[in-house]
Amino acid sequence: MRFRVEAILFDIDGTLVDSTGAVERTWRRWAATHGVDAEEVLRVCHGRRTEDTIAEFLPAEQHAAAVAELEALELSDLDDVVALPATQEVLRALPRHRWAAVTSGSRRLMQVRLAAAGLPVPEVLVSAEDVSVGKPEPEGYLKAAAALGFDIARCLVVEDSPAGVGAGSAAGAHTLAVATSHSSSTLSAAEAVIPDLTACGIEVTPDVLLVTAHP
């Protein structure tokens, strides 16, 4: 499949950065501390804001402290946070004003993880604290497209989770899924699904980005 777009909007965790091990370890530690079933947490946490996940397991008065606690755990666990295949090459190929990142994580955590993976921090980074509702709602992607100055309908969202694909679709963007953290079958709502960004080719022209996906 070929996409003809003006900008690309990437998720970070699971799309640009492999942080799955760290994510699972920190949620398991957090769940054990709070007497919560870790498997239930891991079933719903991927691709969503921490506060949205925590809201399913703790009463409202405990949310703020629990979010801060989890972020502290995440910031201390960066040992195996690495760039996913071909992300360096893809980002180097893109002009800085034609890509952004939209994440369910906090700005501080995402900046640290990108640095740990040796990837650049984009000029436009929409993080958990920048939206009132997280993925699968479209707010983050709409804000990123507006900040770049492009029509969302002329943007490509690249995601690794069903919640993220849902957010991109709801925003009105084209969607490309990478099956790096979820099976291809769970990402079928995307217009195309590829194993990772090694299966993605990008041609930059003065007016558009030509993105080819090779499933």
N, C-alpha and C. Protein backbone atom coordinates (compact mmCIF):
# COMPACT_ATOMS: atom_id res chain seq x y z
N MET A 1 0.83 -1.20 0.00
CA MET A 1 0.00 0.00 0.00
C MET A 1 0.87 1.25 0.00
N ARG A 2 0.37 2.29 -0.69
CA ARG A 2 1.12 3.54 -0.74
C ARG A 2 0.26 4.67 -0.20
N PHE A 3 0.84 5.47 0.69
CA PHE A 3 0.17 6.63 1.25
C PHE A 3 0.82 7.90 0.69
N ARG A 4 0.00 8.84 0.28
CA ARG A 4 0.48 10.14 -0.17
C ARG A 4 0.01 11.17 0.85
N VAL A 5 0.93 11.61 1.71
CA VAL A 5 0.55 12.44 2.85
C VAL A 5 1.50 13.64 2.98
N GLU A 6 1.16 14.54 3.88
CA GLU A 6 1.99 15.73 4.10
C GLU A 6 2.81 15.64 5.38
N ALA A 7 2.40 14.79 6.31
CA ALA A 7 3.13 14.64 7.57
C ALA A 7 2.86 13.26 8.16
N ILE A 8 3.77 12.82 9.02
CA ILE A 8 3.61 11.54 9.71
C ILE A 8 3.58 11.80 11.21
N LEU A 9 2.61 11.20 11.88
CA LEU A 9 2.43 11.34 13.32
C LEU A 9 2.67 9.97 13.96
N PHE A 10 3.74 9.86 14.75
CA PHE A 10 4.14 8.58 15.32
C PHE A 10 3.73 8.48 16.79
N ASP A 11 3.30 7.30 17.18
CA ASP A 11 3.31 6.93 18.59
C ASP A 11 4.78 6.71 18.98
N ILE A 12 5.07 6.60 20.28
CA ILE A 12 6.46 6.38 20.70
C ILE A 12 6.67 4.95 21.22
N ASP A 13 6.11 4.63 22.38
CA ASP A 13 6.31 3.30 22.96
C ASP A 13 5.74 2.23 22.05
N GLY A 14 6.58 1.30 21.64
CA GLY A 14 6.13 0.20 20.79
C GLY A 14 6.14 0.52 19.32
N THR A 15 6.30 1.80 18.96
CA THR A 15 6.33 2.22 17.56
C THR A 15 7.73 2.69 17.16
N LEU A 16 8.28 3.62 17.94
CA LEU A 16 9.65 4.07 17.72
C LEU A 16 10.62 3.43 18.70
N VAL A 17 10.15 3.20 19.91
CA VAL A 17 11.00 2.72 21.01
C VAL A 17 10.47 1.40 21.54
N ASP A 18 11.36 0.44 21.72
CA ASP A 18 10.99 -0.82 22.36
C ASP A 18 11.15 -0.65 23.87
N SER A 19 10.04 -0.43 24.54
CA SER A 19 10.05 -0.28 25.99
C SER A 19 9.15 -1.31 26.65
N THR A 20 8.77 -2.35 25.91
CA THR A 20 7.79 -3.31 26.41
C THR A 20 8.24 -3.95 27.72
N GLY A 21 9.51 -4.35 27.79
CA GLY A 21 10.00 -4.97 29.01
C GLY A 21 9.89 -4.04 30.20
N ALA A 22 10.30 -2.80 30.02
CA ALA A 22 10.22 -1.82 31.11
C ALA A 22 8.78 -1.55 31.50
N VAL A 23 7.91 -1.41 30.51
CA VAL A 23 6.50 -1.15 30.79
C VAL A 23 5.90 -2.27 31.63
N GLU A 24 6.15 -3.50 31.21
CA GLU A 24 5.56 -4.63 31.93
C GLU A 24 6.16 -4.78 33.32
N ARG A 25 7.46 -4.58 33.45
CA ARG A 25 8.07 -4.70 34.79
C ARG A 25 7.50 -3.66 35.75
N THR A 26 7.39 -2.42 35.29
CA THR A 26 6.93 -1.36 36.20
C THR A 26 5.46 -1.55 36.57
N TRP A 27 4.64 -1.94 35.60
CA TRP A 27 3.23 -2.18 35.95
C TRP A 27 3.09 -3.37 36.91
N ARG A 28 3.90 -4.39 36.73
CA ARG A 28 3.84 -5.54 37.65
C ARG A 28 4.26 -5.12 39.07
N ARG A 29 5.30 -4.32 39.17
CA ARG A 29 5.73 -3.84 40.49
C ARG A 29 4.65 -2.99 41.12
N TRP A 30 4.06 -2.11 40.32
CA TRP A 30 3.00 -1.25 40.83
C TRP A 30 1.79 -2.08 41.27
N ALA A 31 1.39 -3.05 40.46
CA ALA A 31 0.24 -3.89 40.78
C ALA A 31 0.45 -4.67 42.07
N ALA A 32 1.66 -5.20 42.26
CA ALA A 32 1.95 -5.96 43.47
C ALA A 32 1.84 -5.07 44.71
N THR A 33 2.30 -3.83 44.59
CA THR A 33 2.22 -2.89 45.72
C THR A 33 0.78 -2.58 46.09
N HIS A 34 -0.10 -2.53 45.11
CA HIS A 34 -1.49 -2.12 45.36
C HIS A 34 -2.47 -3.29 45.41
N GLY A 35 -1.97 -4.52 45.36
CA GLY A 35 -2.86 -5.67 45.45
C GLY A 35 -3.78 -5.81 44.25
N VAL A 36 -3.29 -5.41 43.09
CA VAL A 36 -4.07 -5.45 41.86
C VAL A 36 -3.56 -6.59 40.99
N ASP A 37 -4.46 -7.23 40.24
CA ASP A 37 -4.08 -8.31 39.34
C ASP A 37 -3.25 -7.75 38.19
N ALA A 38 -1.98 -8.09 38.13
CA ALA A 38 -1.09 -7.54 37.11
C ALA A 38 -1.52 -7.92 35.70
N GLU A 39 -2.04 -9.13 35.53
CA GLU A 39 -2.45 -9.56 34.19
C GLU A 39 -3.62 -8.72 33.69
N GLU A 40 -4.51 -8.35 34.58
CA GLU A 40 -5.63 -7.49 34.19
C GLU A 40 -5.13 -6.09 33.80
N VAL A 41 -4.14 -5.60 34.55
CA VAL A 41 -3.56 -4.30 34.22
C VAL A 41 -2.90 -4.33 32.86
N LEU A 42 -2.08 -5.36 32.60
CA LEU A 42 -1.36 -5.46 31.33
C LEU A 42 -2.31 -5.68 30.16
N ARG A 43 -3.47 -6.22 30.42
CA ARG A 43 -4.45 -6.44 29.35
C ARG A 43 -5.00 -5.12 28.82
N VAL A 44 -5.02 -4.07 29.65
CA VAL A 44 -5.67 -2.82 29.24
C VAL A 44 -4.74 -1.61 29.16
N CYS A 45 -3.47 -1.74 29.59
CA CYS A 45 -2.63 -0.55 29.73
C CYS A 45 -1.94 -0.10 28.46
N HIS A 46 -1.70 -1.01 27.51
CA HIS A 46 -0.87 -0.66 26.36
C HIS A 46 -1.56 0.38 25.47
N GLY A 47 -0.81 1.42 25.18
CA GLY A 47 -1.30 2.47 24.29
C GLY A 47 -2.20 3.49 24.96
N ARG A 48 -2.38 3.39 26.28
CA ARG A 48 -3.28 4.30 26.98
C ARG A 48 -2.52 5.11 28.02
N ARG A 49 -3.09 6.25 28.42
CA ARG A 49 -2.47 7.05 29.46
C ARG A 49 -2.48 6.31 30.79
N THR A 50 -1.44 6.54 31.59
CA THR A 50 -1.35 5.91 32.91
C THR A 50 -2.60 6.20 33.73
N GLU A 51 -3.03 7.48 33.73
CA GLU A 51 -4.18 7.84 34.56
C GLU A 51 -5.46 7.13 34.13
N ASP A 52 -5.59 6.84 32.84
CA ASP A 52 -6.78 6.16 32.36
C ASP A 52 -6.78 4.69 32.80
N THR A 53 -5.60 4.09 32.82
CA THR A 53 -5.50 2.70 33.29
C THR A 53 -5.72 2.64 34.80
N ILE A 54 -5.06 3.51 35.54
CA ILE A 54 -5.18 3.49 36.99
C ILE A 54 -6.62 3.72 37.43
N ALA A 55 -7.35 4.52 36.68
CA ALA A 55 -8.75 4.82 37.03
C ALA A 55 -9.62 3.56 37.03
N GLU A 56 -9.18 2.51 36.34
CA GLU A 56 -9.95 1.28 36.32
C GLU A 56 -9.72 0.41 37.56
N PHE A 57 -8.69 0.76 38.35
CA PHE A 57 -8.31 -0.12 39.45
C PHE A 57 -8.29 0.53 40.83
N LEU A 58 -8.22 1.85 40.88
CA LEU A 58 -8.15 2.54 42.17
C LEU A 58 -9.21 3.63 42.26
N PRO A 59 -9.63 3.96 43.49
CA PRO A 59 -10.59 5.06 43.65
C PRO A 59 -9.97 6.40 43.27
N ALA A 60 -10.82 7.36 42.96
CA ALA A 60 -10.38 8.64 42.40
C ALA A 60 -9.38 9.36 43.28
N GLU A 61 -9.57 9.29 44.59
CA GLU A 61 -8.69 10.05 45.49
C GLU A 61 -7.25 9.52 45.50
N GLN A 62 -7.03 8.34 44.94
CA GLN A 62 -5.69 7.77 44.91
C GLN A 62 -4.99 7.95 43.55
N HIS A 63 -5.69 8.48 42.57
CA HIS A 63 -5.16 8.52 41.20
C HIS A 63 -3.88 9.32 41.08
N ALA A 64 -3.87 10.55 41.58
CA ALA A 64 -2.71 11.43 41.37
C ALA A 64 -1.44 10.83 41.96
N ALA A 65 -1.54 10.31 43.18
CA ALA A 65 -0.36 9.72 43.83
C ALA A 65 0.10 8.47 43.08
N ALA A 66 -0.84 7.68 42.59
CA ALA A 66 -0.50 6.46 41.88
C ALA A 66 0.18 6.76 40.54
N VAL A 67 -0.28 7.80 39.83
CA VAL A 67 0.35 8.19 38.58
C VAL A 67 1.80 8.62 38.82
N ALA A 68 2.01 9.43 39.86
CA ALA A 68 3.36 9.88 40.18
C ALA A 68 4.25 8.70 40.57
N GLU A 69 3.69 7.77 41.31
CA GLU A 69 4.43 6.58 41.72
C GLU A 69 4.87 5.75 40.52
N LEU A 70 3.95 5.55 39.58
CA LEU A 70 4.30 4.74 38.42
C LEU A 70 5.34 5.43 37.55
N GLU A 71 5.22 6.75 37.39
CA GLU A 71 6.21 7.45 36.58
C GLU A 71 7.60 7.35 37.20
N ALA A 72 7.69 7.44 38.52
CA ALA A 72 8.99 7.30 39.18
C ALA A 72 9.58 5.91 38.91
N LEU A 73 8.74 4.88 38.92
CA LEU A 73 9.21 3.53 38.61
C LEU A 73 9.70 3.46 37.16
N GLU A 74 8.96 4.07 36.25
CA GLU A 74 9.33 4.02 34.84
C GLU A 74 10.63 4.77 34.57
N LEU A 75 10.80 5.91 35.20
CA LEU A 75 12.01 6.71 34.99
C LEU A 75 13.26 5.99 35.51
N SER A 76 13.08 5.09 36.44
CA SER A 76 14.22 4.37 37.01
C SER A 76 14.52 3.07 36.27
N ASP A 77 13.74 2.74 35.25
CA ASP A 77 13.89 1.47 34.55
C ASP A 77 14.07 1.74 33.05
N LEU A 78 15.31 1.96 32.63
CA LEU A 78 15.60 2.27 31.23
C LEU A 78 16.63 1.31 30.62
N ASP A 79 16.96 0.25 31.34
CA ASP A 79 18.08 -0.60 30.94
C ASP A 79 17.94 -1.19 29.54
N ASP A 80 16.74 -1.65 29.18
CA ASP A 80 16.58 -2.29 27.87
C ASP A 80 15.66 -1.49 26.95
N VAL A 81 15.62 -0.18 27.15
CA VAL A 81 14.87 0.69 26.25
C VAL A 81 15.74 1.00 25.03
N VAL A 82 15.32 0.55 23.86
CA VAL A 82 16.13 0.69 22.65
C VAL A 82 15.24 1.12 21.49
N ALA A 83 15.88 1.63 20.44
CA ALA A 83 15.15 2.00 19.23
C ALA A 83 14.69 0.73 18.51
N LEU A 84 13.47 0.76 18.00
CA LEU A 84 12.97 -0.35 17.21
C LEU A 84 13.62 -0.33 15.82
N PRO A 85 13.60 -1.44 15.11
CA PRO A 85 14.29 -1.52 13.81
C PRO A 85 13.85 -0.42 12.83
N ALA A 86 14.83 0.19 12.18
CA ALA A 86 14.67 1.18 11.11
C ALA A 86 14.16 2.54 11.58
N THR A 87 13.93 2.72 12.89
CA THR A 87 13.41 4.02 13.32
C THR A 87 14.43 5.14 13.11
N GLN A 88 15.69 4.85 13.33
CA GLN A 88 16.73 5.86 13.10
C GLN A 88 16.68 6.33 11.65
N GLU A 89 16.64 5.39 10.73
CA GLU A 89 16.67 5.72 9.31
C GLU A 89 15.42 6.47 8.88
N VAL A 90 14.26 6.03 9.36
CA VAL A 90 13.00 6.69 8.99
C VAL A 90 12.98 8.13 9.48
N LEU A 91 13.35 8.35 10.72
CA LEU A 91 13.30 9.71 11.26
C LEU A 91 14.34 10.62 10.61
N ARG A 92 15.50 10.06 10.28
CA ARG A 92 16.52 10.87 9.59
C ARG A 92 16.04 11.30 8.21
N ALA A 93 15.20 10.49 7.59
CA ALA A 93 14.73 10.79 6.24
C ALA A 93 13.68 11.89 6.20
N LEU A 94 13.08 12.16 7.35
CA LEU A 94 11.96 13.10 7.39
C LEU A 94 12.40 14.50 7.78
N PRO A 95 11.95 15.53 7.06
CA PRO A 95 12.18 16.90 7.54
C PRO A 95 11.54 17.11 8.90
N ARG A 96 12.18 17.87 9.77
CA ARG A 96 11.71 18.02 11.15
C ARG A 96 10.29 18.58 11.23
N HIS A 97 9.91 19.40 10.24
CA HIS A 97 8.58 20.02 10.29
C HIS A 97 7.49 19.13 9.72
N ARG A 98 7.86 17.91 9.32
CA ARG A 98 6.87 17.02 8.72
C ARG A 98 6.59 15.78 9.57
N TRP A 99 7.07 15.76 10.82
CA TRP A 99 6.70 14.65 11.69
C TRP A 99 6.54 15.11 13.13
N ALA A 100 5.73 14.38 13.85
CA ALA A 100 5.46 14.67 15.26
C ALA A 100 5.25 13.35 15.99
N ALA A 101 5.19 13.42 17.30
CA ALA A 101 4.92 12.24 18.11
C ALA A 101 3.72 12.52 19.02
N VAL A 102 2.89 11.52 19.16
CA VAL A 102 1.71 11.60 20.03
C VAL A 102 1.75 10.39 20.94
N THR A 103 1.89 10.62 22.23
CA THR A 103 2.13 9.54 23.17
C THR A 103 1.15 9.56 24.33
N SER A 104 0.91 8.38 24.87
CA SER A 104 0.09 8.27 26.07
C SER A 104 0.93 8.43 27.33
N GLY A 105 2.25 8.54 27.17
CA GLY A 105 3.14 8.74 28.31
C GLY A 105 3.33 10.22 28.62
N SER A 106 3.98 10.48 29.74
CA SER A 106 4.27 11.87 30.10
C SER A 106 5.39 12.42 29.23
N ARG A 107 5.45 13.73 29.10
CA ARG A 107 6.49 14.37 28.30
C ARG A 107 7.88 14.01 28.85
N ARG A 108 8.04 14.11 30.15
CA ARG A 108 9.36 13.83 30.74
C ARG A 108 9.81 12.41 30.45
N LEU A 109 8.90 11.44 30.65
CA LEU A 109 9.25 10.04 30.43
C LEU A 109 9.58 9.78 28.97
N MET A 110 8.81 10.36 28.06
CA MET A 110 9.07 10.13 26.64
C MET A 110 10.38 10.75 26.19
N GLN A 111 10.70 11.93 26.71
CA GLN A 111 11.99 12.54 26.38
C GLN A 111 13.14 11.66 26.85
N VAL A 112 13.00 11.09 28.04
CA VAL A 112 14.05 10.22 28.60
C VAL A 112 14.16 8.94 27.79
N ARG A 113 13.03 8.35 27.42
CA ARG A 113 13.08 7.10 26.65
C ARG A 113 13.64 7.32 25.25
N LEU A 114 13.25 8.41 24.60
CA LEU A 114 13.82 8.71 23.28
C LEU A 114 15.33 8.88 23.38
N ALA A 115 15.79 9.59 24.40
CA ALA A 115 17.22 9.79 24.59
C ALA A 115 17.93 8.46 24.84
N ALA A 116 17.33 7.61 25.67
CA ALA A 116 17.92 6.31 25.97
C ALA A 116 18.04 5.46 24.72
N ALA A 117 17.08 5.63 23.79
CA ALA A 117 17.09 4.86 22.55
C ALA A 117 17.92 5.51 21.46
N GLY A 118 18.48 6.70 21.73
CA GLY A 118 19.28 7.40 20.74
C GLY A 118 18.48 8.02 19.63
N LEU A 119 17.22 8.37 19.90
CA LEU A 119 16.34 8.96 18.90
C LEU A 119 16.09 10.43 19.21
N PRO A 120 15.82 11.24 18.18
CA PRO A 120 15.59 12.67 18.42
C PRO A 120 14.23 12.93 19.06
N VAL A 121 14.16 13.98 19.86
CA VAL A 121 12.89 14.45 20.39
C VAL A 121 12.28 15.37 19.34
N PRO A 122 11.05 15.11 18.89
CA PRO A 122 10.47 15.92 17.82
C PRO A 122 10.15 17.34 18.28
N GLU A 123 10.06 18.24 17.32
CA GLU A 123 9.68 19.61 17.64
C GLU A 123 8.26 19.67 18.17
N VAL A 124 7.39 18.79 17.67
CA VAL A 124 6.01 18.70 18.17
C VAL A 124 5.85 17.36 18.87
N LEU A 125 5.63 17.40 20.17
CA LEU A 125 5.42 16.20 20.98
C LEU A 125 4.17 16.42 21.82
N VAL A 126 3.12 15.70 21.52
CA VAL A 126 1.87 15.78 22.28
C VAL A 126 1.86 14.62 23.26
N SER A 127 1.89 14.94 24.55
CA SER A 127 2.00 13.91 25.58
C SER A 127 0.72 13.82 26.42
N ALA A 128 0.75 12.94 27.41
CA ALA A 128 -0.45 12.68 28.21
C ALA A 128 -1.02 13.93 28.85
N GLU A 129 -0.13 14.82 29.31
CA GLU A 129 -0.60 16.01 30.01
C GLU A 129 -1.14 17.09 29.07
N ASP A 130 -1.00 16.87 27.76
CA ASP A 130 -1.45 17.86 26.78
C ASP A 130 -2.89 17.62 26.32
N VAL A 131 -3.50 16.52 26.75
CA VAL A 131 -4.87 16.20 26.31
C VAL A 131 -5.77 15.98 27.51
N SER A 132 -7.06 16.21 27.29
CA SER A 132 -8.03 15.97 28.36
C SER A 132 -8.52 14.53 28.35
N VAL A 133 -8.46 13.89 27.19
CA VAL A 133 -8.82 12.47 27.06
C VAL A 133 -7.78 11.78 26.19
N GLY A 134 -7.40 10.59 26.60
CA GLY A 134 -6.34 9.87 25.89
C GLY A 134 -6.87 8.96 24.80
N LYS A 135 -5.95 8.26 24.14
CA LYS A 135 -6.31 7.28 23.12
C LYS A 135 -7.23 6.21 23.74
N PRO A 136 -8.25 5.77 23.03
CA PRO A 136 -8.51 5.85 21.59
C PRO A 136 -9.23 7.12 21.13
N GLU A 137 -9.37 8.11 22.01
CA GLU A 137 -9.95 9.38 21.56
C GLU A 137 -8.94 10.11 20.66
N PRO A 138 -9.39 10.93 19.73
CA PRO A 138 -8.52 11.50 18.70
C PRO A 138 -7.80 12.79 19.09
N GLU A 139 -8.03 13.32 20.29
CA GLU A 139 -7.54 14.66 20.63
C GLU A 139 -6.06 14.85 20.38
N GLY A 140 -5.25 13.90 20.78
CA GLY A 140 -3.80 14.04 20.64
C GLY A 140 -3.37 14.19 19.21
N TYR A 141 -3.92 13.37 18.33
CA TYR A 141 -3.52 13.44 16.92
C TYR A 141 -4.04 14.71 16.25
N LEU A 142 -5.22 15.15 16.62
CA LEU A 142 -5.72 16.41 16.08
C LEU A 142 -4.82 17.57 16.51
N LYS A 143 -4.37 17.56 17.75
CA LYS A 143 -3.49 18.63 18.23
C LYS A 143 -2.14 18.60 17.52
N ALA A 144 -1.60 17.43 17.29
CA ALA A 144 -0.30 17.32 16.62
C ALA A 144 -0.37 17.84 15.19
N ALA A 145 -1.41 17.45 14.46
CA ALA A 145 -1.55 17.92 13.09
C ALA A 145 -1.69 19.44 13.05
N ALA A 146 -2.48 19.98 13.97
CA ALA A 146 -2.67 21.44 14.02
C ALA A 146 -1.36 22.15 14.35
N ALA A 147 -0.59 21.58 15.27
CA ALA A 147 0.69 22.20 15.64
C ALA A 147 1.67 22.21 14.48
N LEU A 148 1.65 21.17 13.67
CA LEU A 148 2.51 21.13 12.49
C LEU A 148 1.98 22.01 11.36
N GLY A 149 0.69 22.29 11.40
CA GLY A 149 0.09 23.12 10.36
C GLY A 149 -0.44 22.35 9.17
N PHE A 150 -0.79 21.06 9.40
CA PHE A 150 -1.30 20.22 8.32
C PHE A 150 -2.70 19.73 8.63
N ASP A 151 -3.47 19.51 7.57
CA ASP A 151 -4.80 18.91 7.69
C ASP A 151 -4.63 17.46 8.15
N ILE A 152 -5.36 17.06 9.20
CA ILE A 152 -5.22 15.70 9.72
C ILE A 152 -5.55 14.66 8.64
N ALA A 153 -6.43 15.00 7.71
CA ALA A 153 -6.79 14.06 6.65
C ALA A 153 -5.64 13.81 5.69
N ARG A 154 -4.61 14.66 5.76
CA ARG A 154 -3.43 14.52 4.91
C ARG A 154 -2.23 14.02 5.73
N CYS A 155 -2.52 13.43 6.88
CA CYS A 155 -1.46 12.90 7.75
C CYS A 155 -1.58 11.39 7.85
N LEU A 156 -0.45 10.75 8.14
CA LEU A 156 -0.40 9.31 8.39
C LEU A 156 -0.06 9.08 9.85
N VAL A 157 -0.89 8.33 10.55
CA VAL A 157 -0.62 7.95 11.93
C VAL A 157 0.01 6.57 11.93
N VAL A 158 1.13 6.42 12.63
CA VAL A 158 1.82 5.13 12.75
C VAL A 158 1.73 4.68 14.20
N GLU A 159 1.14 3.53 14.43
CA GLU A 159 0.82 3.06 15.77
C GLU A 159 1.09 1.57 15.94
N ASP A 160 1.18 1.15 17.20
CA ASP A 160 1.41 -0.27 17.48
C ASP A 160 0.29 -0.90 18.29
N SER A 161 -0.70 -0.12 18.72
CA SER A 161 -1.74 -0.66 19.59
C SER A 161 -3.13 -0.40 19.00
N PRO A 162 -4.10 -1.25 19.34
CA PRO A 162 -5.48 -1.00 18.88
C PRO A 162 -6.01 0.36 19.33
N ALA A 163 -5.68 0.77 20.56
CA ALA A 163 -6.15 2.08 21.04
C ALA A 163 -5.57 3.20 20.20
N GLY A 164 -4.31 3.08 19.82
CA GLY A 164 -3.67 4.10 19.01
C GLY A 164 -4.21 4.15 17.60
N VAL A 165 -4.43 2.97 17.00
CA VAL A 165 -5.03 2.92 15.66
C VAL A 165 -6.42 3.54 15.70
N GLY A 166 -7.16 3.23 16.76
CA GLY A 166 -8.49 3.81 16.91
C GLY A 166 -8.45 5.32 17.00
N ALA A 167 -7.46 5.85 17.71
CA ALA A 167 -7.32 7.30 17.84
C ALA A 167 -7.01 7.95 16.50
N GLY A 168 -6.11 7.34 15.74
CA GLY A 168 -5.78 7.88 14.43
C GLY A 168 -6.96 7.87 13.49
N SER A 169 -7.70 6.76 13.48
CA SER A 169 -8.87 6.65 12.62
C SER A 169 -9.94 7.66 13.01
N ALA A 170 -10.17 7.79 14.31
CA ALA A 170 -11.19 8.73 14.79
C ALA A 170 -10.82 10.16 14.46
N ALA A 171 -9.52 10.45 14.39
CA ALA A 171 -9.08 11.80 14.05
C ALA A 171 -9.30 12.11 12.58
N GLY A 172 -9.39 11.06 11.76
CA GLY A 172 -9.56 11.27 10.32
C GLY A 172 -8.28 11.12 9.53
N ALA A 173 -7.23 10.58 10.16
CA ALA A 173 -5.94 10.38 9.50
C ALA A 173 -5.90 9.03 8.80
N HIS A 174 -4.94 8.86 7.90
CA HIS A 174 -4.60 7.53 7.41
C HIS A 174 -3.87 6.79 8.54
N THR A 175 -3.97 5.47 8.54
CA THR A 175 -3.37 4.71 9.64
C THR A 175 -2.52 3.55 9.13
N LEU A 176 -1.34 3.43 9.72
CA LEU A 176 -0.41 2.34 9.45
C LEU A 176 -0.02 1.73 10.79
N ALA A 177 -0.19 0.43 10.93
CA ALA A 177 0.14 -0.25 12.18
C ALA A 177 1.41 -1.07 12.03
N VAL A 178 2.22 -1.07 13.10
CA VAL A 178 3.39 -1.93 13.17
C VAL A 178 3.11 -3.00 14.23
N ALA A 179 3.31 -4.25 13.85
CA ALA A 179 2.98 -5.37 14.74
C ALA A 179 4.17 -5.70 15.62
N THR A 180 4.61 -4.71 16.38
CA THR A 180 5.78 -4.87 17.25
C THR A 180 5.41 -5.27 18.67
N SER A 181 4.20 -4.95 19.10
CA SER A 181 3.77 -5.29 20.46
C SER A 181 2.44 -6.02 20.49
N HIS A 182 1.70 -5.99 19.38
CA HIS A 182 0.42 -6.67 19.27
C HIS A 182 0.41 -7.49 17.99
N SER A 183 -0.43 -8.51 17.96
CA SER A 183 -0.53 -9.34 16.75
C SER A 183 -1.19 -8.55 15.63
N SER A 184 -0.88 -8.93 14.41
CA SER A 184 -1.46 -8.26 13.25
C SER A 184 -2.98 -8.31 13.27
N SER A 185 -3.53 -9.41 13.75
CA SER A 185 -4.99 -9.56 13.75
C SER A 185 -5.67 -8.53 14.64
N THR A 186 -5.02 -8.11 15.71
CA THR A 186 -5.64 -7.12 16.61
C THR A 186 -5.49 -5.70 16.07
N LEU A 187 -4.72 -5.54 15.00
CA LEU A 187 -4.47 -4.22 14.41
C LEU A 187 -5.17 -4.06 13.07
N SER A 188 -6.12 -4.93 12.77
CA SER A 188 -6.73 -4.98 11.44
C SER A 188 -7.55 -3.74 11.10
N ALA A 189 -7.86 -2.90 12.09
CA ALA A 189 -8.59 -1.66 11.80
C ALA A 189 -7.72 -0.66 11.05
N ALA A 190 -6.40 -0.83 11.08
CA ALA A 190 -5.50 0.06 10.33
C ALA A 190 -5.61 -0.22 8.84
N GLU A 191 -5.28 0.78 8.04
CA GLU A 191 -5.34 0.60 6.59
C GLU A 191 -4.29 -0.38 6.08
N ALA A 192 -3.17 -0.45 6.79
CA ALA A 192 -2.13 -1.42 6.45
C ALA A 192 -1.41 -1.81 7.74
N VAL A 193 -0.92 -3.04 7.78
CA VAL A 193 -0.18 -3.55 8.94
C VAL A 193 1.14 -4.12 8.42
N ILE A 194 2.24 -3.72 9.06
CA ILE A 194 3.57 -4.22 8.69
C ILE A 194 4.26 -4.75 9.95
N PRO A 195 5.28 -5.60 9.78
CA PRO A 195 5.96 -6.16 10.96
C PRO A 195 6.64 -5.07 11.80
N ASP A 196 7.34 -4.16 11.15
CA ASP A 196 8.00 -3.03 11.80
C ASP A 196 8.40 -2.05 10.71
N LEU A 197 9.11 -1.00 11.06
CA LEU A 197 9.40 0.06 10.10
C LEU A 197 10.44 -0.33 9.04
N THR A 198 11.05 -1.51 9.16
CA THR A 198 11.92 -1.97 8.08
C THR A 198 11.10 -2.24 6.81
N ALA A 199 9.80 -2.43 6.97
CA ALA A 199 8.91 -2.70 5.84
C ALA A 199 8.24 -1.43 5.31
N CYS A 200 8.82 -0.29 5.66
CA CYS A 200 8.25 1.00 5.28
C CYS A 200 9.28 1.80 4.50
N GLY A 201 8.90 2.27 3.31
CA GLY A 201 9.77 3.12 2.51
C GLY A 201 9.18 4.52 2.44
N ILE A 202 10.05 5.54 2.50
CA ILE A 202 9.58 6.93 2.46
C ILE A 202 10.35 7.70 1.40
N GLU A 203 9.59 8.35 0.52
CA GLU A 203 10.17 9.26 -0.45
C GLU A 203 9.71 10.67 -0.12
N VAL A 204 10.66 11.57 0.08
CA VAL A 204 10.34 12.95 0.44
C VAL A 204 10.40 13.82 -0.81
N THR A 205 9.29 14.50 -1.10
CA THR A 205 9.25 15.46 -2.20
C THR A 205 8.97 16.83 -1.60
N PRO A 206 9.10 17.90 -2.38
CA PRO A 206 8.84 19.23 -1.82
C PRO A 206 7.45 19.40 -1.24
N ASP A 207 6.47 18.66 -1.79
CA ASP A 207 5.08 18.87 -1.38
C ASP A 207 4.51 17.75 -0.53
N VAL A 208 4.93 16.52 -0.77
CA VAL A 208 4.31 15.39 -0.09
C VAL A 208 5.35 14.36 0.33
N LEU A 209 4.88 13.46 1.21
CA LEU A 209 5.66 12.28 1.59
C LEU A 209 4.97 11.07 0.96
N LEU A 210 5.73 10.28 0.23
CA LEU A 210 5.20 9.05 -0.36
C LEU A 210 5.66 7.89 0.50
N VAL A 211 4.75 7.28 1.20
CA VAL A 211 5.07 6.21 2.15
C VAL A 211 4.55 4.89 1.59
N THR A 212 5.46 3.95 1.42
CA THR A 212 5.10 2.64 0.91
C THR A 212 5.22 1.61 2.02
N ALA A 213 4.14 0.86 2.23
CA ALA A 213 4.12 -0.18 3.25
C ALA A 213 4.14 -1.54 2.57
N HIS A 214 5.09 -2.40 2.98
CA HIS A 214 5.23 -3.72 2.41
C HIS A 214 4.87 -4.76 3.47
N PRO A 215 3.61 -5.22 3.51
CA PRO A 215 3.18 -6.18 4.56
C PRO A 215 4.00 -7.46 4.53
